[in-house]
Amino acid sequence: MSRYADLILELINQSKEHMTAEQLFLELKKTEPKVVQATVYNNLNALYQNGLIRKLSIENSPDRYDKIRKHDHLVCRKCGELSDINLEDLTKNLENQLKEEILSYDLKVFYLCKKCREE
């Protein structure tokens, strides 16, 4: 892996947010002023293709990047807020029904967050 890929992976793994490529570029530029956007996009693609990060595609929103650990996401239909959730019981239930170990899956649960419901 390149030095930039290592730095991008570190940013993603340390972030509490689900950052876009643009956000990662701006954050990386603070410590690596010579980095260009194409480098960030190319490294994100390589990290994703190699299974080191997750790419979250949400309608009408730029892709966001996340840690690889098993977890799911709540997405507000109105404002796009993205939160992590852990549905361990669902995973176990699926494995029991399928009689197979689940290696990975991508689940996004759409809802209206409290802020949007109160508007």
N, C-alpha and C. Protein backbone atom coordinates (compact mmCIF):
# COMPACT_ATOMS: atom_id res chain seq x y z
N MET A 1 0.85 -1.19 0.00
CA MET A 1 0.00 0.00 0.00
C MET A 1 0.88 1.24 0.00
N SER A 2 0.39 2.28 -0.63
CA SER A 2 1.13 3.54 -0.67
C SER A 2 1.01 4.27 0.67
N ARG A 3 1.88 5.23 0.86
CA ARG A 3 1.84 6.04 2.08
C ARG A 3 0.50 6.75 2.19
N TYR A 4 0.00 7.28 1.07
CA TYR A 4 -1.29 7.96 1.09
C TYR A 4 -2.43 7.00 1.46
N ALA A 5 -2.37 5.79 0.94
CA ALA A 5 -3.40 4.80 1.28
C ALA A 5 -3.38 4.52 2.78
N ASP A 6 -2.19 4.39 3.35
CA ASP A 6 -2.07 4.17 4.79
C ASP A 6 -2.67 5.33 5.57
N LEU A 7 -2.40 6.56 5.13
CA LEU A 7 -2.92 7.75 5.83
C LEU A 7 -4.44 7.84 5.70
N ILE A 8 -4.96 7.54 4.53
CA ILE A 8 -6.41 7.57 4.31
C ILE A 8 -7.09 6.50 5.16
N LEU A 9 -6.52 5.31 5.18
CA LEU A 9 -7.08 4.23 6.00
C LEU A 9 -7.08 4.62 7.48
N GLU A 10 -6.01 5.24 7.93
CA GLU A 10 -5.94 5.70 9.31
C GLU A 10 -7.02 6.75 9.61
N LEU A 11 -7.22 7.69 8.68
CA LEU A 11 -8.27 8.70 8.86
C LEU A 11 -9.65 8.05 8.99
N ILE A 12 -9.93 7.11 8.12
CA ILE A 12 -11.23 6.43 8.14
C ILE A 12 -11.41 5.65 9.44
N ASN A 13 -10.38 4.93 9.84
CA ASN A 13 -10.49 4.10 11.04
C ASN A 13 -10.58 4.92 12.32
N GLN A 14 -10.05 6.15 12.31
CA GLN A 14 -10.10 6.99 13.51
C GLN A 14 -11.32 7.90 13.54
N SER A 15 -11.98 8.07 12.42
CA SER A 15 -13.11 9.00 12.34
C SER A 15 -14.37 8.43 12.98
N LYS A 16 -15.12 9.28 13.63
CA LYS A 16 -16.42 8.90 14.16
C LYS A 16 -17.51 9.16 13.12
N GLU A 17 -17.14 9.80 12.01
CA GLU A 17 -18.07 10.13 10.94
C GLU A 17 -17.89 9.16 9.77
N HIS A 18 -18.80 9.25 8.83
CA HIS A 18 -18.70 8.53 7.57
C HIS A 18 -18.31 9.58 6.54
N MET A 19 -17.03 9.70 6.27
CA MET A 19 -16.52 10.81 5.48
C MET A 19 -16.64 10.56 3.98
N THR A 20 -16.85 11.65 3.24
CA THR A 20 -16.85 11.61 1.78
C THR A 20 -15.41 11.71 1.30
N ALA A 21 -15.20 11.46 0.02
CA ALA A 21 -13.86 11.61 -0.56
C ALA A 21 -13.38 13.05 -0.40
N GLU A 22 -14.28 14.00 -0.59
CA GLU A 22 -13.93 15.42 -0.45
C GLU A 22 -13.49 15.73 0.98
N GLN A 23 -14.22 15.22 1.95
CA GLN A 23 -13.85 15.46 3.35
C GLN A 23 -12.50 14.81 3.68
N LEU A 24 -12.28 13.62 3.16
CA LEU A 24 -11.00 12.95 3.39
C LEU A 24 -9.86 13.72 2.73
N PHE A 25 -10.10 14.22 1.53
CA PHE A 25 -9.10 15.03 0.83
C PHE A 25 -8.74 16.27 1.65
N LEU A 26 -9.75 16.99 2.12
CA LEU A 26 -9.49 18.21 2.90
C LEU A 26 -8.78 17.91 4.21
N GLU A 27 -9.13 16.82 4.84
CA GLU A 27 -8.48 16.43 6.10
C GLU A 27 -7.03 16.03 5.85
N LEU A 28 -6.79 15.26 4.80
CA LEU A 28 -5.44 14.82 4.47
C LEU A 28 -4.56 15.99 4.06
N LYS A 29 -5.15 16.96 3.37
CA LYS A 29 -4.41 18.13 2.90
C LYS A 29 -3.83 18.94 4.06
N LYS A 30 -4.42 18.85 5.24
CA LYS A 30 -3.90 19.57 6.41
C LYS A 30 -2.49 19.13 6.77
N THR A 31 -2.21 17.85 6.59
CA THR A 31 -0.87 17.33 6.92
C THR A 31 -0.04 17.00 5.69
N GLU A 32 -0.70 16.87 4.55
CA GLU A 32 -0.03 16.54 3.29
C GLU A 32 -0.44 17.55 2.22
N PRO A 33 0.13 18.77 2.28
CA PRO A 33 -0.33 19.84 1.38
C PRO A 33 -0.17 19.56 -0.11
N LYS A 34 0.68 18.62 -0.49
CA LYS A 34 0.91 18.34 -1.91
C LYS A 34 -0.06 17.30 -2.48
N VAL A 35 -0.88 16.70 -1.64
CA VAL A 35 -1.80 15.68 -2.13
C VAL A 35 -2.83 16.30 -3.07
N VAL A 36 -3.21 15.55 -4.10
CA VAL A 36 -4.24 16.01 -5.04
C VAL A 36 -5.46 15.10 -4.92
N GLN A 37 -6.60 15.62 -5.35
CA GLN A 37 -7.86 14.88 -5.21
C GLN A 37 -7.82 13.52 -5.91
N ALA A 38 -7.22 13.47 -7.08
CA ALA A 38 -7.17 12.20 -7.82
C ALA A 38 -6.45 11.12 -7.02
N THR A 39 -5.43 11.50 -6.28
CA THR A 39 -4.70 10.55 -5.44
C THR A 39 -5.62 9.97 -4.37
N VAL A 40 -6.43 10.82 -3.77
CA VAL A 40 -7.37 10.36 -2.74
C VAL A 40 -8.39 9.41 -3.36
N TYR A 41 -8.97 9.79 -4.49
CA TYR A 41 -9.96 8.92 -5.15
C TYR A 41 -9.35 7.58 -5.55
N ASN A 42 -8.16 7.61 -6.13
CA ASN A 42 -7.51 6.37 -6.56
C ASN A 42 -7.21 5.46 -5.37
N ASN A 43 -6.73 6.05 -4.28
CA ASN A 43 -6.43 5.24 -3.10
C ASN A 43 -7.69 4.72 -2.42
N LEU A 44 -8.75 5.52 -2.40
CA LEU A 44 -10.02 5.04 -1.85
C LEU A 44 -10.52 3.84 -2.65
N ASN A 45 -10.43 3.93 -3.97
CA ASN A 45 -10.86 2.83 -4.82
C ASN A 45 -10.03 1.57 -4.54
N ALA A 46 -8.72 1.73 -4.41
CA ALA A 46 -7.85 0.58 -4.13
C ALA A 46 -8.16 -0.02 -2.76
N LEU A 47 -8.36 0.82 -1.76
CA LEU A 47 -8.69 0.33 -0.42
C LEU A 47 -10.01 -0.43 -0.44
N TYR A 48 -10.99 0.10 -1.16
CA TYR A 48 -12.30 -0.55 -1.28
C TYR A 48 -12.18 -1.89 -2.03
N GLN A 49 -11.49 -1.88 -3.16
CA GLN A 49 -11.33 -3.09 -3.97
C GLN A 49 -10.60 -4.19 -3.20
N ASN A 50 -9.71 -3.81 -2.29
CA ASN A 50 -8.96 -4.78 -1.49
C ASN A 50 -9.66 -5.15 -0.19
N GLY A 51 -10.89 -4.66 0.00
CA GLY A 51 -11.67 -5.03 1.17
C GLY A 51 -11.21 -4.42 2.47
N LEU A 52 -10.52 -3.29 2.40
CA LEU A 52 -9.99 -2.66 3.61
C LEU A 52 -10.90 -1.57 4.17
N ILE A 53 -11.85 -1.10 3.34
CA ILE A 53 -12.84 -0.11 3.77
C ILE A 53 -14.18 -0.46 3.14
N ARG A 54 -15.23 0.15 3.67
CA ARG A 54 -16.57 0.01 3.10
C ARG A 54 -16.93 1.30 2.38
N LYS A 55 -17.62 1.16 1.26
CA LYS A 55 -18.14 2.32 0.55
C LYS A 55 -19.65 2.30 0.71
N LEU A 56 -20.19 3.42 1.19
CA LEU A 56 -21.63 3.54 1.42
C LEU A 56 -22.23 4.44 0.36
N SER A 57 -23.05 3.87 -0.48
CA SER A 57 -23.72 4.64 -1.53
C SER A 57 -25.14 4.91 -1.09
N ILE A 58 -25.49 6.17 -1.03
CA ILE A 58 -26.83 6.59 -0.62
C ILE A 58 -27.36 7.54 -1.68
N GLU A 59 -28.58 7.30 -2.11
CA GLU A 59 -29.22 8.09 -3.16
C GLU A 59 -29.10 9.59 -2.88
N ASN A 60 -28.77 10.35 -3.93
CA ASN A 60 -28.67 11.81 -3.88
C ASN A 60 -27.63 12.32 -2.88
N SER A 61 -26.59 11.53 -2.67
CA SER A 61 -25.55 11.90 -1.72
C SER A 61 -24.23 11.33 -2.22
N PRO A 62 -23.12 12.03 -1.97
CA PRO A 62 -21.84 11.45 -2.38
C PRO A 62 -21.53 10.18 -1.57
N ASP A 63 -20.78 9.28 -2.18
CA ASP A 63 -20.37 8.07 -1.46
C ASP A 63 -19.63 8.46 -0.19
N ARG A 64 -19.81 7.65 0.83
CA ARG A 64 -19.10 7.85 2.10
C ARG A 64 -18.31 6.58 2.39
N TYR A 65 -17.28 6.73 3.19
CA TYR A 65 -16.38 5.61 3.45
C TYR A 65 -16.36 5.31 4.94
N ASP A 66 -16.18 4.02 5.25
CA ASP A 66 -16.34 3.57 6.63
C ASP A 66 -15.39 2.43 6.95
N LYS A 67 -15.26 2.18 8.22
CA LYS A 67 -14.46 1.06 8.73
C LYS A 67 -15.04 -0.25 8.23
N ILE A 68 -14.21 -1.27 8.20
CA ILE A 68 -14.63 -2.55 7.65
C ILE A 68 -15.37 -3.42 8.68
N ARG A 69 -15.29 -3.10 9.96
CA ARG A 69 -15.92 -3.96 10.98
C ARG A 69 -17.41 -4.15 10.69
N LYS A 70 -17.93 -5.29 11.14
CA LYS A 70 -19.34 -5.62 10.88
C LYS A 70 -20.25 -4.68 11.66
N HIS A 71 -21.06 -3.95 10.95
CA HIS A 71 -22.11 -3.11 11.53
C HIS A 71 -23.02 -2.65 10.41
N ASP A 72 -24.14 -2.07 10.78
CA ASP A 72 -25.13 -1.62 9.81
C ASP A 72 -25.35 -0.12 9.98
N HIS A 73 -26.25 0.43 9.19
CA HIS A 73 -26.43 1.88 9.19
C HIS A 73 -27.89 2.30 9.20
N LEU A 74 -28.16 3.35 9.96
CA LEU A 74 -29.44 4.06 9.93
C LEU A 74 -29.24 5.29 9.08
N VAL A 75 -30.14 5.52 8.14
CA VAL A 75 -30.03 6.67 7.25
C VAL A 75 -31.34 7.45 7.29
N CYS A 76 -31.26 8.73 7.64
CA CYS A 76 -32.45 9.57 7.64
C CYS A 76 -32.82 9.89 6.19
N ARG A 77 -34.05 9.59 5.81
CA ARG A 77 -34.52 9.84 4.44
C ARG A 77 -34.55 11.32 4.09
N LYS A 78 -34.72 12.18 5.10
CA LYS A 78 -34.86 13.60 4.82
C LYS A 78 -33.52 14.34 4.81
N CYS A 79 -32.74 14.22 5.87
CA CYS A 79 -31.50 15.01 5.98
C CYS A 79 -30.25 14.22 5.61
N GLY A 80 -30.37 12.90 5.49
CA GLY A 80 -29.23 12.08 5.11
C GLY A 80 -28.30 11.71 6.25
N GLU A 81 -28.67 12.06 7.48
CA GLU A 81 -27.82 11.70 8.63
C GLU A 81 -27.58 10.19 8.61
N LEU A 82 -26.34 9.81 8.86
CA LEU A 82 -25.94 8.41 8.80
C LEU A 82 -25.37 8.01 10.16
N SER A 83 -25.93 6.97 10.75
CA SER A 83 -25.49 6.50 12.07
C SER A 83 -25.21 5.01 12.02
N ASP A 84 -24.26 4.56 12.83
CA ASP A 84 -23.97 3.14 12.95
C ASP A 84 -24.96 2.47 13.88
N ILE A 85 -25.36 1.25 13.54
CA ILE A 85 -26.15 0.41 14.44
C ILE A 85 -25.57 -1.00 14.38
N ASN A 86 -25.75 -1.74 15.44
CA ASN A 86 -25.26 -3.11 15.48
C ASN A 86 -26.46 -4.04 15.65
N LEU A 87 -26.74 -4.80 14.63
CA LEU A 87 -27.88 -5.72 14.64
C LEU A 87 -27.38 -7.16 14.75
N GLU A 88 -26.67 -7.44 15.82
CA GLU A 88 -26.06 -8.75 16.02
C GLU A 88 -27.09 -9.87 15.97
N ASP A 89 -28.28 -9.64 16.55
CA ASP A 89 -29.33 -10.67 16.52
C ASP A 89 -29.75 -11.00 15.10
N LEU A 90 -29.80 -9.99 14.24
CA LEU A 90 -30.18 -10.22 12.84
C LEU A 90 -29.15 -11.11 12.16
N THR A 91 -27.88 -10.82 12.37
CA THR A 91 -26.82 -11.62 11.76
C THR A 91 -26.91 -13.07 12.23
N LYS A 92 -27.07 -13.27 13.52
CA LYS A 92 -27.17 -14.63 14.06
C LYS A 92 -28.40 -15.34 13.51
N ASN A 93 -29.51 -14.63 13.41
CA ASN A 93 -30.74 -15.21 12.88
C ASN A 93 -30.55 -15.64 11.43
N LEU A 94 -29.93 -14.79 10.63
CA LEU A 94 -29.68 -15.13 9.22
C LEU A 94 -28.76 -16.34 9.11
N GLU A 95 -27.71 -16.37 9.92
CA GLU A 95 -26.79 -17.51 9.88
C GLU A 95 -27.51 -18.80 10.27
N ASN A 96 -28.38 -18.72 11.27
CA ASN A 96 -29.14 -19.91 11.68
C ASN A 96 -30.08 -20.38 10.57
N GLN A 97 -30.74 -19.44 9.91
CA GLN A 97 -31.67 -19.81 8.84
C GLN A 97 -30.94 -20.37 7.62
N LEU A 98 -29.80 -19.76 7.29
CA LEU A 98 -29.05 -20.19 6.11
C LEU A 98 -28.15 -21.39 6.37
N LYS A 99 -27.87 -21.63 7.64
CA LYS A 99 -26.92 -22.67 8.04
C LYS A 99 -25.55 -22.42 7.42
N GLU A 100 -25.20 -21.14 7.31
CA GLU A 100 -23.92 -20.71 6.75
C GLU A 100 -23.42 -19.52 7.54
N GLU A 101 -22.10 -19.35 7.55
CA GLU A 101 -21.51 -18.17 8.18
C GLU A 101 -21.62 -17.00 7.20
N ILE A 102 -22.11 -15.88 7.68
CA ILE A 102 -22.20 -14.68 6.84
C ILE A 102 -20.87 -13.94 6.93
N LEU A 103 -20.24 -13.74 5.80
CA LEU A 103 -18.96 -13.03 5.77
C LEU A 103 -19.17 -11.53 5.78
N SER A 104 -20.13 -11.08 5.00
CA SER A 104 -20.43 -9.65 4.98
C SER A 104 -21.78 -9.42 4.31
N TYR A 105 -22.34 -8.28 4.59
CA TYR A 105 -23.55 -7.81 3.91
C TYR A 105 -23.63 -6.32 4.15
N ASP A 106 -24.50 -5.66 3.41
CA ASP A 106 -24.63 -4.21 3.53
C ASP A 106 -26.10 -3.89 3.77
N LEU A 107 -26.41 -3.45 4.99
CA LEU A 107 -27.79 -3.14 5.34
C LEU A 107 -27.88 -1.67 5.73
N LYS A 108 -28.78 -0.97 5.06
CA LYS A 108 -29.09 0.42 5.41
C LYS A 108 -30.56 0.46 5.78
N VAL A 109 -30.85 0.91 6.99
CA VAL A 109 -32.22 1.04 7.46
C VAL A 109 -32.59 2.51 7.34
N PHE A 110 -33.61 2.80 6.54
CA PHE A 110 -34.03 4.19 6.32
C PHE A 110 -35.14 4.55 7.29
N TYR A 111 -35.07 5.76 7.81
CA TYR A 111 -36.05 6.25 8.79
C TYR A 111 -36.05 7.77 8.76
N LEU A 112 -36.85 8.41 9.59
CA LEU A 112 -36.79 9.85 9.80
C LEU A 112 -36.21 10.08 11.19
N CYS A 113 -35.11 10.81 11.24
CA CYS A 113 -34.48 11.07 12.53
C CYS A 113 -35.37 11.98 13.38
N LYS A 114 -35.06 12.06 14.65
CA LYS A 114 -35.88 12.83 15.59
C LYS A 114 -35.99 14.29 15.15
N LYS A 115 -34.88 14.87 14.73
CA LYS A 115 -34.88 16.28 14.30
C LYS A 115 -35.83 16.49 13.13
N CYS A 116 -35.78 15.61 12.15
CA CYS A 116 -36.65 15.75 10.97
C CYS A 116 -38.11 15.46 11.30
N ARG A 117 -38.37 14.54 12.20
CA ARG A 117 -39.75 14.25 12.61
C ARG A 117 -40.37 15.44 13.32
N GLU A 118 -39.55 16.21 14.03
CA GLU A 118 -40.07 17.34 14.80
C GLU A 118 -40.26 18.60 13.96
N GLU A 119 -39.75 18.58 12.74
CA GLU A 119 -39.89 19.77 11.87
C GLU A 119 -41.29 19.89 11.31
